[in-house]
Amino acid sequence: MPAEKTRGAEEQKVQLFEVLPISRAVLTLAMPTVASSLVMVLYSLADTYFVSMLENPIQNSAVTLAAPVLLAFNAINNLFGVGASSMMSRALGRRDYETVRRSSAFGFWCALLSAVVFSLAVTVFQGPFLQILGADDSTREATAAYMMWTVSWGAVPSILNVVLAYLVRAEGSSLHASIGTMSGCLLNMILDPLFILPWGLNMGAAGAGLATFLSNTVACCYFAVLLFVRRGKTFVSVSPAYIRPKKEIVLGICGVGIPASIQNLLNVTGMTVLNNFTAGFGPDAVAAMGIAQKINMVPAQIALGFSQGIMPLVGYNYASGNVKRMKSAILFAGGAMLGFTSIMAVGYYVGAGGLSALFMKNEVVAGYCTSFLRGLCLAMPLLCVDFLGVGVFQSCGLGRNALLFAILRKIVLEIPALFLLNTLFPLYGLAYAQLTAEAVLAVAAVVVLTKLIRKLERTAVR
């Protein structure tokens, strides 16, 4: 990269990460990520909405049952996307631009290889996977058709889309990262009715999968063009010349990425346990739980997008030693997230019946969905505190803290709560397991973050 271009790129990063008022810096980084997260969850809702228009619980169940496999993509996204972006942000704070380039190239190529292996494994061992997911004779065919497009063909573009967004966002280009992600999501929403409904290709759940595959492919093309056009003006690189990793880069990426990946796999385990419990009550209950989870994802993904959006800012200032700016970013983001999710939780609880009826006219399914949504939405404000804590840990390279929270959430709290609540309140108690877990985790997040910031402040004074 020519010296003058390097200086220009560096000055832009310094202005954003070090000079801009904290509220503007946070919003500059977070709002595009929030918008991207919102569009992503809306396209997920679009899948559910258009499949629900078929008035066939089996088709809805297929999308719900396959959800843990799609969620498992995030294990790779987190390992190489979160891990590499955290390493890149901290390297930017140290002005170590060679590490930024090598980290991004390592993350990209490892993600590509892992995506290919994942899609082959699921395709070859489809039968056992369907059984583990809870598919039975009535739902197996529809679930397999949906997974063919979203996993067998779709794993590579789906994973690379997210990983590339992480890499681009790591150096402060949140807007470009969000445009790339949103371009695919918007295309998905356009294609869904054409592929799913009888007046179009009438493919049902499989049509939703095909739309997802095509939209993620388009998003990957956007990022490819972006990196080509900005070559020489960005520190992000996917060039094979930078693949040869240094030991400290691999350890730095894996130190954050592996705990983040394990965290996601635990989320997959929790969702699979929940789906298997729900499947025992029939396709109507499975369809209702899937719809309730998708509706509840809207505010949850916005909160997650906000916490991910500030990660480059937190990681940069952590590495550069600017504890005051790092603390201000965390407090500003936390206040905004908590206020938003609290308002949404109240709105969801009051309007659960109307929201459920939008997605399913079947009275039995809508009734289940209303009860599930009221249980799920209560955890929202607590969940955003957990998101913020984990995001800060990942930004600062504290992967062990993030892993500890993941184990505490799923293994220690949520999965045991599913067993207990389903025994005490069959089916309906399942929706309150997350609330039980997040009540403990929110308190733990506040305590650990407070100790971390105080420790950094004492170190800075010395």
Foldseek 3Di string as FASTA:
>chain_A
DDPVLLVVLLVVLCCLQPPPPLVCSLCLLQVLLLVLLLLQLVLVLLLLQLLQVVVDLLLLLLSLLCVLLLLLLVLLCLLLQLLLLLQLLLCSLVVNLLLLALSLQQSLVVSQVVLQVQLVVCVVPVPVSCVLSQDDPSNSVSNVLLCCLCRNQASNLVNNLSSLLSSCSSSPPSNLNSVLSNQLSVQLSVQSNQQPDPVHVNPRSSSSSNSNRVSSVSSNVSSVVVCVVCVSNDSYYNDPVSNPDDPVSSCSSNLASNLSSVLSNLVSVLSSLLLNLQCVVPSLSSSLLSSLVSVLSNLVSSLLSSLLSCLSSLLSCLSNLVLVSNVVNLVVSLVVSLVVLVVVLVVCLVCLLVSLCSRHVPPSSSVSNSLLNNQQSVLRSLSSLLSNLLSNCSSNSNNVVNSVLSCQQRVVAQVVQCVVQCVVPNSSRNSNRNVRRSVVSSVVSVVVVVVVSVVSVVVSVD
